[in-house]
Amino acid sequence: VDRGSCSVEICAIVLAYQSLFPDAVHVNRGNHEDEFMNSVHSFRQEVLVKYDADMFDAFNALFNALPLAHVVNRSIFVVHGGLSDAPLTLAQVPLGLATSRRGAGVVFGPDVCAAFLRLNQLKMVVRSHEVIREGFMWTFDVDEVTADGRVPEVPPSHVPLDMGDVPENMLLTLFSCSNYCHDSNRTSVGYGDYAPVTYAGRGFLTFSGILGGLLILSLVQSIFFGALELTDNESRVKYIIDKSRWDCQRREAAAKLIQTQFRLKKQQQQHGTNPRLVEALTLHLFECMEHMHKFVRGEPRNVRTFEEEMDAHIGGLLRDMDDMQRQEDAVLARIQDKIRRLNAACDCILSSQAS
């Protein structure tokens, strides 16, 4: 979640796949699946716009139940950030730990990774949380790791000579975001006619959202930034919803999921993560979202076609321009009147002096 306008939809798709294929799709908790983090960034505002505060709490209840890591095929350790420094000291791992340049956590070296794999009888670590321009990177080249924790890109053919029986591809970093911090990802996944939203487009998206999501702004955005492609059906469903009539029903629907928070926290304290509880929370979340969308579909709406929206908006702009012109004419008329009065006063003064 965060850093985008479709976090809710992405969560729904990922959780749907996980529910359909629980043995093939595994969902980990990352640093943004945290209430403080996604409140500071964009996820909270997105959920409040699309649903309400109860749904935001419901999402974070689900996030709290997600595991931090998975072991795939009893050999691959998959985690969002990396390996912990808790059981290690600098004396034990001279290359292993250094202060992170991001200011949060530590950078771990190949000896830490190798020790972790040997201790847990694993073959490989897969992690993300780091911008990789090529989309993925084999991380460790022992001969070139510097004291500040910098590690260069390593091709899979490279074999560290002093790492014993640890495979050369023991750490893989994946990063699929197409446009993060003004940096491109040359191997990110593309789909059809949808192009990554540039930072200029994202800024315009935020600006248009602040102004109420006016159709003209969305249209300009789609033309200049390629961030939104309007189909005929999408153009016909831009309507204003009378939200106040449905707040009660939406909150009632979301309450079913909110009530599980306390059971979830108690379960976590006693037994740790419970996969069945995660599955139940996911099911409740989908039921809640579906229930709310049923209310949305039944709400009174003001449906206008794209042409009607454009005509109405252009008409409003023309009226505003007419008002501005009338105000300008009125100001000019007052200025001209004052000039005439001033000239008349000057004429009177000159006449009196002449006489």
Foldseek 3Di string as FASTA:
>chain_A
DFPDLCPVVVVLVLLVVCLVCVLPRADAADPCLALVNVVVGCNCVSCCVVARPLLVLLSSLLSVQHHQWDQRPQAEIEGAPDDACVVDDCVVPVLAWAQDPVRPHTAGAPVVLLVVCVVSVHQAYEYEPDDDQQQKFQWADPVPQDNRNDTDGDDLVDDRPPSPPHHSSRYMYGDQQQADPNGGRPPHDDDDQQDDFYPVLVVLVVVCVVVPVQPVSVVVSCVPGVHDDDDQVNQFPPKDFPCVVCNVVLVVLSVVSSVCSVVSVVCCVPPNRDVVVSSVSSVSSVSSVVSVVVVVVPTDIDTDGNVVSVVVVVVVVVVVVVVVVVVVVVVVVVVVVVVVVVVVVVVVVVVVVVD
